[in-house]
Amino acid sequence: MIQLSSPARAEQSYRHEAFLWHDRADFTDGLAPFIAEGLESGEPVMVATVAEHTAWLRDALGPAADQVCFVDMAALGRNPAKIIPAWQKFIDIEAAGNRPARGVGEPIWAERQTDELIECQLHEALLNVAVDPMTPFWLVCPYDAERLEQPVIDEAYRSHPVVIEADAYKGSTQYAGRAHLEAMLGGELPPLDGEPITIPFTAKNLDRLRTFLKLEGHVAGLGLRQATDLAAATHGLAAGSLERGAAAGVIRMWRQPRSVVYEVIDDTYVDDPLAGRRAPLVDSADALWTANQLCDLVQLRSTPVGTIVRLHAYR
């Protein structure tokens, strides 16, 4: 039986661990006791998994399942950039006053599309800097070792300080920490099919672009509401580029088999790895946060040379 605990457990610190499982028995034998132990200790527990795995845990926990905050990860994590804000809200509300809490988060499953998977892997690396190290929050991320490809499992070792596999609880010798995160944030996005439409923008023509972007998205197959949201998010990001100091930038547009994709490119640097993942103050505007709320997938890559934000709207 897999044990998600160790004699050296530090109660008053943040823990982020990967759990490699092979079948239903592995999954429930490892996670149900972890959840039950937290509940018995009076710790709030949030579980964000896909529907099938939620059902497994409910069956294993029995009546105790009613004390758990279950979240459908397929809905929450459709855009992986929305997962960290959900964990932060849980910690802020349920674990206020430095109260210990536990979580189970499954951002990666076998049916994930390639672009989504890339952003989920970035999300897992971001989790290592998103929570204060002194926050007593224990987060376990289950990985289906039977159905996920080996490169995905390898990435789990790089993004988690601890990995639980079979009956072994051990630190990951492949964990790369902040350096790995910075390499991912500074890497290139995957190429897209076809040639994009390219539109330069400046302060002079920016306001006129919103209607054009909306029309192009609608013609490409998006519903009117989707096209409006995608245009608003793109326009907001372009305005944000100018506010950060860019004299000009470029918007690129593609029609992909399952989506319409817009990109905003400029020569400024976004040095905050959690940009767009913190809820803005009531009276402040955050174009990246807004884009994450309006779009199905948002990909940000930035270096001192420049920034690319790619927005996906699924047809």
C-alpha atoms as a PDB file:
ATOM      1  CA  MET A   1       0.000   0.000   0.000  1.00  0.00           C
ATOM      2  CA  ILE A   2       1.370   3.418  -0.978  1.00  0.00           C
ATOM      3  CA  GLN A   3       1.737   5.816   1.931  1.00  0.00           C
ATOM      4  CA  LEU A   4       1.587   9.556   1.284  1.00  0.00           C
ATOM      5  CA  SER A   5       3.416  10.375   4.467  1.00  0.00           C
ATOM      6  CA  SER A   6       6.901  10.171   5.873  1.00  0.00           C
ATOM      7  CA  PRO A   7       8.455  10.268   9.356  1.00  0.00           C
ATOM      8  CA  ALA A   8      10.141  13.554   8.477  1.00  0.00           C
ATOM      9  CA  ARG A   9       6.934  15.401   7.653  1.00  0.00           C
ATOM     10  CA  ALA A  10       7.205  19.126   8.400  1.00  0.00           C
ATOM     11  CA  GLU A  11       3.751  20.179   9.580  1.00  0.00           C
ATOM     12  CA  GLN A  12       4.273  23.923   9.189  1.00  0.00           C
ATOM     13  CA  SER A  13       5.571  24.171   5.622  1.00  0.00           C
ATOM     14  CA  TYR A  14       4.389  23.927   2.031  1.00  0.00           C
ATOM     15  CA  ARG A  15       4.724  20.547   0.347  1.00  0.00           C
ATOM     16  CA  HIS A  16       4.253  19.842  -3.351  1.00  0.00           C
ATOM     17  CA  GLU A  17       4.478  16.175  -4.305  1.00  0.00           C
ATOM     18  CA  ALA A  18       3.825  13.983  -7.341  1.00  0.00           C
ATOM     19  CA  PHE A  19       2.085  10.634  -6.859  1.00  0.00           C
ATOM     20  CA  LEU A  20       2.567   8.032  -9.611  1.00  0.00           C
ATOM     21  CA  TRP A  21      -0.267   5.490  -9.656  1.00  0.00           C
ATOM     22  CA  HIS A  22      -0.967   2.461 -11.853  1.00  0.00           C
ATOM     23  CA  ASP A  23      -4.549   1.356 -11.229  1.00  0.00           C
ATOM     24  CA  ARG A  24      -7.670   2.217  -9.266  1.00  0.00           C
ATOM     25  CA  ALA A  25      -6.450   0.398  -6.175  1.00  0.00           C
ATOM     26  CA  ASP A  26      -3.189   2.380  -6.200  1.00  0.00           C
ATOM     27  CA  PHE A  27      -5.108   5.613  -6.607  1.00  0.00           C
ATOM     28  CA  THR A  28      -7.579   5.086  -3.791  1.00  0.00           C
ATOM     29  CA  ASP A  29      -5.183   3.261  -1.434  1.00  0.00           C
ATOM     30  CA  GLY A  30      -2.816   6.199  -1.655  1.00  0.00           C
ATOM     31  CA  LEU A  31      -5.152   9.170  -1.706  1.00  0.00           C
ATOM     32  CA  ALA A  32      -8.148   8.133   0.416  1.00  0.00           C
ATOM     33  CA  PRO A  33      -6.044   7.666   3.610  1.00  0.00           C
ATOM     34  CA  PHE A  34      -4.214  10.934   2.865  1.00  0.00           C
ATOM     35  CA  ILE A  35      -7.550  12.756   2.671  1.00  0.00           C
ATOM     36  CA  ALA A  36      -9.060  10.941   5.659  1.00  0.00           C
ATOM     37  CA  GLU A  37      -6.018  11.690   7.811  1.00  0.00           C
ATOM     38  CA  GLY A  38      -6.379  15.374   7.013  1.00  0.00           C
ATOM     39  CA  LEU A  39     -10.075  15.378   7.858  1.00  0.00           C
ATOM     40  CA  GLU A  40      -9.445  13.573  11.154  1.00  0.00           C
ATOM     41  CA  SER A  41      -6.883  16.254  12.028  1.00  0.00           C
ATOM     42  CA  GLY A  42      -9.418  18.992  11.341  1.00  0.00           C
ATOM     43  CA  GLU A  43      -7.684  20.136   8.147  1.00  0.00           C
ATOM     44  CA  PRO A  44      -9.739  21.474   5.231  1.00  0.00           C
ATOM     45  CA  VAL A  45      -9.244  19.358   2.098  1.00  0.00           C
ATOM     46  CA  MET A  46      -9.841  20.306  -1.518  1.00  0.00           C
ATOM     47  CA  VAL A  47      -9.728  17.650  -4.245  1.00  0.00           C
ATOM     48  CA  ALA A  48      -9.556  18.753  -7.894  1.00  0.00           C
ATOM     49  CA  THR A  49      -9.606  15.672 -10.134  1.00  0.00           C
ATOM     50  CA  VAL A  50     -11.418  14.493 -13.246  1.00  0.00           C
ATOM     51  CA  ALA A  51     -14.926  13.093 -12.726  1.00  0.00           C
ATOM     52  CA  GLU A  52     -14.019   9.396 -12.835  1.00  0.00           C
ATOM     53  CA  HIS A  53     -11.338   9.773 -10.184  1.00  0.00           C
ATOM     54  CA  THR A  54     -13.590  11.902  -8.019  1.00  0.00           C
ATOM     55  CA  ALA A  55     -16.116   9.043  -8.064  1.00  0.00           C
ATOM     56  CA  TRP A  56     -13.399   6.584  -7.001  1.00  0.00           C
ATOM     57  CA  LEU A  57     -12.455   8.751  -4.035  1.00  0.00           C
ATOM     58  CA  ARG A  58     -16.065   9.328  -2.982  1.00  0.00           C
ATOM     59  CA  ASP A  59     -16.635   5.573  -2.941  1.00  0.00           C
ATOM     60  CA  ALA A  60     -13.454   4.972  -0.933  1.00  0.00           C
ATOM     61  CA  LEU A  61     -14.138   7.737   1.600  1.00  0.00           C
ATOM     62  CA  GLY A  62     -17.792   6.917   2.198  1.00  0.00           C
ATOM     63  CA  PRO A  63     -19.667   9.453   4.368  1.00  0.00           C
ATOM     64  CA  ALA A  64     -16.413  11.363   5.019  1.00  0.00           C
ATOM     65  CA  ALA A  65     -16.510  12.514   1.387  1.00  0.00           C
ATOM     66  CA  ASP A  66     -19.147  15.074   2.369  1.00  0.00           C
ATOM     67  CA  GLN A  67     -16.471  16.973   4.307  1.00  0.00           C
ATOM     68  CA  VAL A  68     -14.250  17.358   1.231  1.00  0.00           C
ATOM     69  CA  CYS A  69     -14.415  20.254  -1.237  1.00  0.00           C
ATOM     70  CA  PHE A  70     -14.517  18.419  -4.580  1.00  0.00           C
ATOM     71  CA  VAL A  71     -13.845  20.417  -7.764  1.00  0.00           C
ATOM     72  CA  ASP A  72     -14.138  19.181 -11.339  1.00  0.00           C
ATOM     73  CA  MET A  73     -10.636  19.666 -12.713  1.00  0.00           C
ATOM     74  CA  ALA A  74     -11.832  19.255 -16.305  1.00  0.00           C
ATOM     75  CA  ALA A  75     -13.857  22.449 -15.839  1.00  0.00           C
ATOM     76  CA  LEU A  76     -11.506  24.364 -13.522  1.00  0.00           C
ATOM     77  CA  GLY A  77      -8.373  23.406 -15.436  1.00  0.00           C
ATOM     78  CA  ARG A  78      -9.682  23.878 -18.967  1.00  0.00           C
ATOM     79  CA  ASN A  79      -7.343  26.863 -18.954  1.00  0.00           C
ATOM     80  CA  PRO A  80      -4.539  25.717 -16.616  1.00  0.00           C
ATOM     81  CA  ALA A  81      -3.759  29.329 -15.662  1.00  0.00           C
ATOM     82  CA  LYS A  82      -6.974  29.355 -13.603  1.00  0.00           C
ATOM     83  CA  ILE A  83      -5.867  26.539 -11.260  1.00  0.00           C
ATOM     84  CA  ILE A  84      -3.413  28.457  -9.055  1.00  0.00           C
ATOM     85  CA  PRO A  85      -5.966  31.192  -8.263  1.00  0.00           C
ATOM     86  CA  ALA A  86      -8.390  28.463  -7.147  1.00  0.00           C
ATOM     87  CA  TRP A  87      -5.807  26.959  -4.786  1.00  0.00           C
ATOM     88  CA  GLN A  88      -4.942  30.410  -3.461  1.00  0.00           C
ATOM     89  CA  LYS A  89      -8.604  31.168  -2.785  1.00  0.00           C
ATOM     90  CA  PHE A  90      -8.961  27.849  -0.951  1.00  0.00           C
ATOM     91  CA  ILE A  91      -5.913  28.613   1.209  1.00  0.00           C
ATOM     92  CA  ASP A  92      -7.001  32.190   1.898  1.00  0.00           C
ATOM     93  CA  ILE A  93     -10.525  31.211   2.964  1.00  0.00           C
ATOM     94  CA  GLU A  94     -10.304  27.698   4.379  1.00  0.00           C
ATOM     95  CA  ALA A  95      -6.777  27.836   5.785  1.00  0.00           C
ATOM     96  CA  ALA A  96      -6.776  31.401   7.081  1.00  0.00           C
ATOM     97  CA  GLY A  97      -4.629  32.079  10.108  1.00  0.00           C
ATOM     98  CA  ASN A  98      -1.949  29.594   9.043  1.00  0.00           C
ATOM     99  CA  ARG A  99      -4.294  26.633   9.503  1.00  0.00           C
ATOM    100  CA  PRO A 100      -2.874  23.418   7.943  1.00  0.00           C
ATOM    101  CA  ALA A 101      -4.696  22.259   4.813  1.00  0.00           C
ATOM    102  CA  ARG A 102      -4.414  19.538   2.183  1.00  0.00           C
ATOM    103  CA  GLY A 103      -5.105  19.308  -1.523  1.00  0.00           C
ATOM    104  CA  VAL A 104      -5.171  16.802  -4.351  1.00  0.00           C
ATOM    105  CA  GLY A 105      -4.695  18.379  -7.778  1.00  0.00           C
ATOM    106  CA  GLU A 106      -4.774  16.490 -11.092  1.00  0.00           C
ATOM    107  CA  PRO A 107      -4.051  19.018 -13.848  1.00  0.00           C
ATOM    108  CA  ILE A 108      -2.659  16.350 -16.196  1.00  0.00           C
ATOM    109  CA  TRP A 109      -4.577  13.393 -17.594  1.00  0.00           C
ATOM    110  CA  ALA A 110      -4.183  11.261 -20.713  1.00  0.00           C
ATOM    111  CA  GLU A 111      -6.765  13.077 -22.863  1.00  0.00           C
ATOM    112  CA  ARG A 112      -5.130  16.492 -22.552  1.00  0.00           C
ATOM    113  CA  GLN A 113      -4.333  18.224 -25.868  1.00  0.00           C
ATOM    114  CA  THR A 114      -0.679  19.053 -26.552  1.00  0.00           C
ATOM    115  CA  ASP A 115      -0.914  22.811 -25.933  1.00  0.00           C
ATOM    116  CA  GLU A 116      -2.910  22.216 -22.745  1.00  0.00           C
ATOM    117  CA  LEU A 117      -0.364  19.668 -21.542  1.00  0.00           C
ATOM    118  CA  ILE A 118       2.510  22.102 -22.062  1.00  0.00           C
ATOM    119  CA  GLU A 119       0.716  24.717 -19.973  1.00  0.00           C
ATOM    120  CA  CYS A 120      -0.142  22.157 -17.284  1.00  0.00           C
ATOM    121  CA  GLN A 121       3.542  21.321 -16.992  1.00  0.00           C
ATOM    122  CA  LEU A 122       4.318  25.018 -16.654  1.00  0.00           C
ATOM    123  CA  HIS A 123       1.571  25.231 -14.019  1.00  0.00           C
ATOM    124  CA  GLU A 124       3.197  22.426 -12.018  1.00  0.00           C
ATOM    125  CA  ALA A 125       6.526  24.282 -12.056  1.00  0.00           C
ATOM    126  CA  LEU A 126       4.797  27.533 -11.067  1.00  0.00           C
ATOM    127  CA  LEU A 127       3.254  25.848  -8.018  1.00  0.00           C
ATOM    128  CA  ASN A 128       6.720  25.765  -6.474  1.00  0.00           C
ATOM    129  CA  VAL A 129       6.802  29.574  -6.274  1.00  0.00           C
ATOM    130  CA  ALA A 130       3.076  30.331  -6.023  1.00  0.00           C
ATOM    131  CA  VAL A 131       2.672  29.361  -2.362  1.00  0.00           C
ATOM    132  CA  ASP A 132       4.707  30.856   0.473  1.00  0.00           C
ATOM    133  CA  PRO A 133       7.150  28.169   1.712  1.00  0.00           C
ATOM    134  CA  MET A 134       5.921  28.642   5.286  1.00  0.00           C
ATOM    135  CA  THR A 135       2.275  28.006   4.405  1.00  0.00           C
ATOM    136  CA  PRO A 136       1.239  24.650   5.953  1.00  0.00           C
ATOM    137  CA  PHE A 137      -0.342  23.352   2.753  1.00  0.00           C
ATOM    138  CA  TRP A 138       0.275  19.789   1.516  1.00  0.00           C
ATOM    139  CA  LEU A 139      -0.534  19.353  -2.183  1.00  0.00           C
ATOM    140  CA  VAL A 140      -0.370  15.978  -3.930  1.00  0.00           C
ATOM    141  CA  CYS A 141      -0.575  15.719  -7.729  1.00  0.00           C
ATOM    142  CA  PRO A 142      -1.559  12.255  -9.045  1.00  0.00           C
ATOM    143  CA  TYR A 143      -0.090  11.043 -12.363  1.00  0.00           C
ATOM    144  CA  ASP A 144      -1.465   8.019 -14.231  1.00  0.00           C
ATOM    145  CA  ALA A 145       1.785   6.106 -14.805  1.00  0.00           C
ATOM    146  CA  GLU A 146       0.053   3.569 -17.069  1.00  0.00           C
ATOM    147  CA  ARG A 147      -1.539   5.955 -19.583  1.00  0.00           C
ATOM    148  CA  LEU A 148       0.679   9.028 -19.612  1.00  0.00           C
ATOM    149  CA  GLU A 149       3.698   9.091 -21.918  1.00  0.00           C
ATOM    150  CA  GLN A 150       7.141   8.698 -20.352  1.00  0.00           C
ATOM    151  CA  PRO A 151       8.216  12.294 -21.151  1.00  0.00           C
ATOM    152  CA  VAL A 152       5.225  13.506 -19.104  1.00  0.00           C
ATOM    153  CA  ILE A 153       6.301  11.363 -16.149  1.00  0.00           C
ATOM    154  CA  ASP A 154       9.874  12.616 -16.547  1.00  0.00           C
ATOM    155  CA  GLU A 155       8.576  16.178 -16.365  1.00  0.00           C
ATOM    156  CA  ALA A 156       6.765  15.354 -13.110  1.00  0.00           C
ATOM    157  CA  TYR A 157      10.142  14.489 -11.571  1.00  0.00           C
ATOM    158  CA  ARG A 158      11.559  17.858 -12.701  1.00  0.00           C
ATOM    159  CA  SER A 159       8.660  19.912 -11.302  1.00  0.00           C
ATOM    160  CA  HIS A 160       8.063  18.179  -7.934  1.00  0.00           C
ATOM    161  CA  PRO A 161      10.538  18.159  -5.039  1.00  0.00           C
ATOM    162  CA  VAL A 162       9.129  14.807  -3.858  1.00  0.00           C
ATOM    163  CA  VAL A 163       7.800  11.866  -5.873  1.00  0.00           C
ATOM    164  CA  ILE A 164       5.836   8.917  -4.456  1.00  0.00           C
ATOM    165  CA  GLU A 165       6.141   5.810  -6.621  1.00  0.00           C
ATOM    166  CA  ALA A 166       5.018   2.280  -5.692  1.00  0.00           C
ATOM    167  CA  ASP A 167       6.071   1.951  -2.045  1.00  0.00           C
ATOM    168  CA  ALA A 168       8.853   4.534  -2.269  1.00  0.00           C
ATOM    169  CA  TYR A 169       8.637   8.057  -0.833  1.00  0.00           C
ATOM    170  CA  LYS A 170      11.671  10.013  -1.958  1.00  0.00           C
ATOM    171  CA  GLY A 171      13.053  13.354  -2.986  1.00  0.00           C
ATOM    172  CA  SER A 172      13.377  13.815  -6.731  1.00  0.00           C
ATOM    173  CA  THR A 173      16.998  14.009  -7.856  1.00  0.00           C
ATOM    174  CA  GLN A 174      15.732  15.523 -11.133  1.00  0.00           C
ATOM    175  CA  TYR A 175      13.886  18.409  -9.467  1.00  0.00           C
ATOM    176  CA  ALA A 176      15.162  21.586 -11.113  1.00  0.00           C
ATOM    177  CA  GLY A 177      13.387  24.307  -9.124  1.00  0.00           C
ATOM    178  CA  ARG A 178      13.378  27.944 -10.219  1.00  0.00           C
ATOM    179  CA  ALA A 179      15.887  27.393 -13.024  1.00  0.00           C
ATOM    180  CA  HIS A 180      13.538  24.936 -14.710  1.00  0.00           C
ATOM    181  CA  LEU A 181      10.623  27.344 -14.379  1.00  0.00           C
ATOM    182  CA  GLU A 182      12.595  30.209 -15.895  1.00  0.00           C
ATOM    183  CA  ALA A 183      13.680  28.005 -18.800  1.00  0.00           C
ATOM    184  CA  MET A 184      10.054  27.121 -19.496  1.00  0.00           C
ATOM    185  CA  LEU A 185       8.891  30.744 -19.317  1.00  0.00           C
ATOM    186  CA  GLY A 186      11.675  31.771 -21.682  1.00  0.00           C
ATOM    187  CA  GLY A 187      11.195  28.919 -24.151  1.00  0.00           C
ATOM    188  CA  GLU A 188       9.532  28.977 -27.541  1.00  0.00           C
ATOM    189  CA  LEU A 189       5.896  28.126 -28.116  1.00  0.00           C
ATOM    190  CA  PRO A 190       5.102  25.226 -30.481  1.00  0.00           C
ATOM    191  CA  PRO A 191       4.683  26.185 -34.146  1.00  0.00           C
ATOM    192  CA  LEU A 192       1.146  26.473 -35.513  1.00  0.00           C
ATOM    193  CA  ASP A 193      -0.215  25.238 -38.836  1.00  0.00           C
ATOM    194  CA  GLY A 194      -0.330  27.658 -41.745  1.00  0.00           C
ATOM    195  CA  GLU A 195       0.667  31.262 -42.231  1.00  0.00           C
ATOM    196  CA  PRO A 196      -0.827  33.839 -39.874  1.00  0.00           C
ATOM    197  CA  ILE A 197      -2.442  37.146 -40.660  1.00  0.00           C
ATOM    198  CA  THR A 198      -0.061  39.762 -39.207  1.00  0.00           C
ATOM    199  CA  ILE A 199      -1.146  43.222 -38.064  1.00  0.00           C
ATOM    200  CA  PRO A 200       1.234  45.789 -36.537  1.00  0.00           C
ATOM    201  CA  PHE A 201      -0.238  47.907 -33.760  1.00  0.00           C
ATOM    202  CA  THR A 202       0.643  51.256 -32.231  1.00  0.00           C
ATOM    203  CA  ALA A 203      -1.186  53.711 -30.027  1.00  0.00           C
ATOM    204  CA  LYS A 204      -2.599  55.313 -33.192  1.00  0.00           C
ATOM    205  CA  ASN A 205      -4.413  52.282 -34.619  1.00  0.00           C
ATOM    206  CA  LEU A 206      -5.088  50.189 -31.506  1.00  0.00           C
ATOM    207  CA  ASP A 207      -8.664  51.305 -30.894  1.00  0.00           C
ATOM    208  CA  ARG A 208      -9.671  50.524 -34.477  1.00  0.00           C
ATOM    209  CA  LEU A 209      -8.369  46.967 -34.219  1.00  0.00           C
ATOM    210  CA  ARG A 210     -10.959  45.677 -31.734  1.00  0.00           C
ATOM    211  CA  THR A 211     -13.789  45.570 -34.316  1.00  0.00           C
ATOM    212  CA  PHE A 212     -11.497  43.981 -36.908  1.00  0.00           C
ATOM    213  CA  LEU A 213     -10.338  41.294 -34.459  1.00  0.00           C
ATOM    214  CA  LYS A 214     -13.941  40.511 -33.518  1.00  0.00           C
ATOM    215  CA  LEU A 215     -15.007  40.194 -37.149  1.00  0.00           C
ATOM    216  CA  GLU A 216     -12.048  37.960 -38.044  1.00  0.00           C
ATOM    217  CA  GLY A 217     -12.770  35.644 -35.147  1.00  0.00           C
ATOM    218  CA  HIS A 218     -16.443  35.367 -36.077  1.00  0.00           C
ATOM    219  CA  VAL A 219     -15.619  34.689 -39.750  1.00  0.00           C
ATOM    220  CA  ALA A 220     -13.152  32.005 -38.601  1.00  0.00           C
ATOM    221  CA  GLY A 221     -15.979  30.084 -36.925  1.00  0.00           C
ATOM    222  CA  LEU A 222     -16.321  31.465 -33.427  1.00  0.00           C
ATOM    223  CA  GLY A 223     -19.688  32.356 -31.965  1.00  0.00           C
ATOM    224  CA  LEU A 224     -20.338  36.050 -31.560  1.00  0.00           C
ATOM    225  CA  ARG A 225     -19.712  35.978 -27.809  1.00  0.00           C
ATOM    226  CA  GLN A 226     -16.469  34.037 -28.230  1.00  0.00           C
ATOM    227  CA  ALA A 227     -15.273  36.359 -30.981  1.00  0.00           C
ATOM    228  CA  THR A 228     -16.084  39.370 -28.820  1.00  0.00           C
ATOM    229  CA  ASP A 229     -14.219  37.931 -25.824  1.00  0.00           C
ATOM    230  CA  LEU A 230     -11.165  36.968 -27.883  1.00  0.00           C
ATOM    231  CA  ALA A 231     -11.029  40.426 -29.458  1.00  0.00           C
ATOM    232  CA  ALA A 232     -11.383  42.134 -26.067  1.00  0.00           C
ATOM    233  CA  ALA A 233      -8.625  40.007 -24.520  1.00  0.00           C
ATOM    234  CA  THR A 234      -6.285  40.614 -27.465  1.00  0.00           C
ATOM    235  CA  HIS A 235      -6.979  44.339 -27.495  1.00  0.00           C
ATOM    236  CA  GLY A 236      -6.346  44.522 -23.735  1.00  0.00           C
ATOM    237  CA  LEU A 237      -3.020  42.727 -24.051  1.00  0.00           C
ATOM    238  CA  ALA A 238      -1.904  44.998 -26.866  1.00  0.00           C
ATOM    239  CA  ALA A 239      -2.824  48.034 -24.762  1.00  0.00           C
ATOM    240  CA  GLY A 240      -0.863  46.482 -21.888  1.00  0.00           C
ATOM    241  CA  SER A 241       2.172  46.168 -24.165  1.00  0.00           C
ATOM    242  CA  LEU A 242       2.083  49.883 -24.865  1.00  0.00           C
ATOM    243  CA  GLU A 243       1.624  50.662 -21.180  1.00  0.00           C
ATOM    244  CA  ARG A 244       4.717  48.578 -20.338  1.00  0.00           C
ATOM    245  CA  GLY A 245       6.746  50.742 -22.712  1.00  0.00           C
ATOM    246  CA  ALA A 246       6.525  49.096 -26.131  1.00  0.00           C
ATOM    247  CA  ALA A 247       6.490  51.639 -28.925  1.00  0.00           C
ATOM    248  CA  ALA A 248       4.726  49.137 -31.177  1.00  0.00           C
ATOM    249  CA  GLY A 249       3.878  45.473 -31.444  1.00  0.00           C
ATOM    250  CA  VAL A 250       2.373  42.815 -33.673  1.00  0.00           C
ATOM    251  CA  ILE A 251      -0.836  40.780 -33.541  1.00  0.00           C
ATOM    252  CA  ARG A 252      -0.871  37.470 -35.401  1.00  0.00           C
ATOM    253  CA  MET A 253      -3.967  35.384 -36.164  1.00  0.00           C
ATOM    254  CA  TRP A 254      -4.381  31.739 -37.164  1.00  0.00           C
ATOM    255  CA  ARG A 255      -7.250  29.392 -37.928  1.00  0.00           C
ATOM    256  CA  GLN A 256      -6.381  25.986 -36.467  1.00  0.00           C
ATOM    257  CA  PRO A 257      -8.328  22.708 -36.814  1.00  0.00           C
ATOM    258  CA  ARG A 258     -10.059  23.111 -33.443  1.00  0.00           C
ATOM    259  CA  SER A 259      -9.445  26.727 -32.515  1.00  0.00           C
ATOM    260  CA  VAL A 260      -8.838  30.320 -33.485  1.00  0.00           C
ATOM    261  CA  VAL A 261      -5.535  31.620 -32.159  1.00  0.00           C
ATOM    262  CA  TYR A 262      -4.401  35.223 -31.681  1.00  0.00           C
ATOM    263  CA  GLU A 263      -0.927  36.251 -30.555  1.00  0.00           C
ATOM    264  CA  VAL A 264       0.325  39.544 -29.140  1.00  0.00           C
ATOM    265  CA  ILE A 265       4.066  40.168 -29.562  1.00  0.00           C
ATOM    266  CA  ASP A 266       6.128  43.075 -28.228  1.00  0.00           C
ATOM    267  CA  ASP A 267       9.672  43.937 -27.138  1.00  0.00           C
ATOM    268  CA  THR A 268       8.992  44.339 -23.402  1.00  0.00           C
ATOM    269  CA  TYR A 269       9.728  41.901 -20.573  1.00  0.00           C
ATOM    270  CA  VAL A 270       7.209  40.447 -18.127  1.00  0.00           C
ATOM    271  CA  ASP A 271       9.397  39.433 -15.187  1.00  0.00           C
ATOM    272  CA  ASP A 272       6.615  38.167 -12.891  1.00  0.00           C
ATOM    273  CA  PRO A 273       6.212  34.384 -13.351  1.00  0.00           C
ATOM    274  CA  LEU A 274       2.723  34.543 -11.814  1.00  0.00           C
ATOM    275  CA  ALA A 275       1.473  37.348 -14.051  1.00  0.00           C
ATOM    276  CA  GLY A 276      -2.217  36.810 -14.786  1.00  0.00           C
ATOM    277  CA  ARG A 277      -2.610  34.310 -11.965  1.00  0.00           C
ATOM    278  CA  ARG A 278      -3.328  36.735  -9.124  1.00  0.00           C
ATOM    279  CA  ALA A 279      -6.786  38.213  -8.714  1.00  0.00           C
ATOM    280  CA  PRO A 280      -6.463  41.962  -9.372  1.00  0.00           C
ATOM    281  CA  LEU A 281      -7.563  44.588  -6.909  1.00  0.00           C
ATOM    282  CA  VAL A 282     -11.111  45.811  -7.424  1.00  0.00           C
ATOM    283  CA  ASP A 283     -10.088  49.107  -8.998  1.00  0.00           C
ATOM    284  CA  SER A 284      -7.152  47.824 -11.040  1.00  0.00           C
ATOM    285  CA  ALA A 285      -6.981  46.331 -14.519  1.00  0.00           C
ATOM    286  CA  ASP A 286      -4.925  43.266 -15.401  1.00  0.00           C
ATOM    287  CA  ALA A 287      -5.025  42.340 -19.084  1.00  0.00           C
ATOM    288  CA  LEU A 288      -3.451  38.905 -18.528  1.00  0.00           C
ATOM    289  CA  TRP A 289      -5.933  38.064 -15.776  1.00  0.00           C
ATOM    290  CA  THR A 290      -8.805  39.143 -18.027  1.00  0.00           C
ATOM    291  CA  ALA A 291      -7.454  37.064 -20.898  1.00  0.00           C
ATOM    292  CA  ASN A 292      -7.311  34.007 -18.638  1.00  0.00           C
ATOM    293  CA  GLN A 293     -10.971  34.504 -17.725  1.00  0.00           C
ATOM    294  CA  LEU A 294     -12.140  35.017 -21.319  1.00  0.00           C
ATOM    295  CA  CYS A 295     -10.075  32.499 -23.308  1.00  0.00           C
ATOM    296  CA  ASP A 296      -9.869  28.715 -23.359  1.00  0.00           C
ATOM    297  CA  LEU A 297      -6.076  28.685 -23.160  1.00  0.00           C
ATOM    298  CA  VAL A 298      -3.479  31.418 -22.617  1.00  0.00           C
ATOM    299  CA  GLN A 299       0.259  30.905 -23.132  1.00  0.00           C
ATOM    300  CA  LEU A 300       2.795  33.494 -21.971  1.00  0.00           C
ATOM    301  CA  ARG A 301       6.499  33.401 -22.790  1.00  0.00           C
ATOM    302  CA  SER A 302       8.802  36.288 -21.958  1.00  0.00           C
ATOM    303  CA  THR A 303      12.520  37.096 -21.969  1.00  0.00           C
ATOM    304  CA  PRO A 304      14.416  40.402 -21.838  1.00  0.00           C
ATOM    305  CA  VAL A 305      14.177  40.375 -25.653  1.00  0.00           C
ATOM    306  CA  GLY A 306      10.391  40.396 -25.737  1.00  0.00           C
ATOM    307  CA  THR A 307       7.053  38.831 -24.837  1.00  0.00           C
ATOM    308  CA  ILE A 308       4.564  36.600 -26.659  1.00  0.00           C
ATOM    309  CA  VAL A 309       1.054  35.926 -25.381  1.00  0.00           C
ATOM    310  CA  ARG A 310      -0.907  33.324 -27.359  1.00  0.00           C
ATOM    311  CA  LEU A 311      -4.685  33.154 -26.911  1.00  0.00           C
ATOM    312  CA  HIS A 312      -6.779  30.134 -27.947  1.00  0.00           C
ATOM    313  CA  ALA A 313     -10.539  30.078 -28.469  1.00  0.00           C
ATOM    314  CA  TYR A 314     -11.936  26.599 -29.145  1.00  0.00           C
ATOM    315  CA  ARG A 315     -14.565  26.240 -31.841  1.00  0.00           C
END
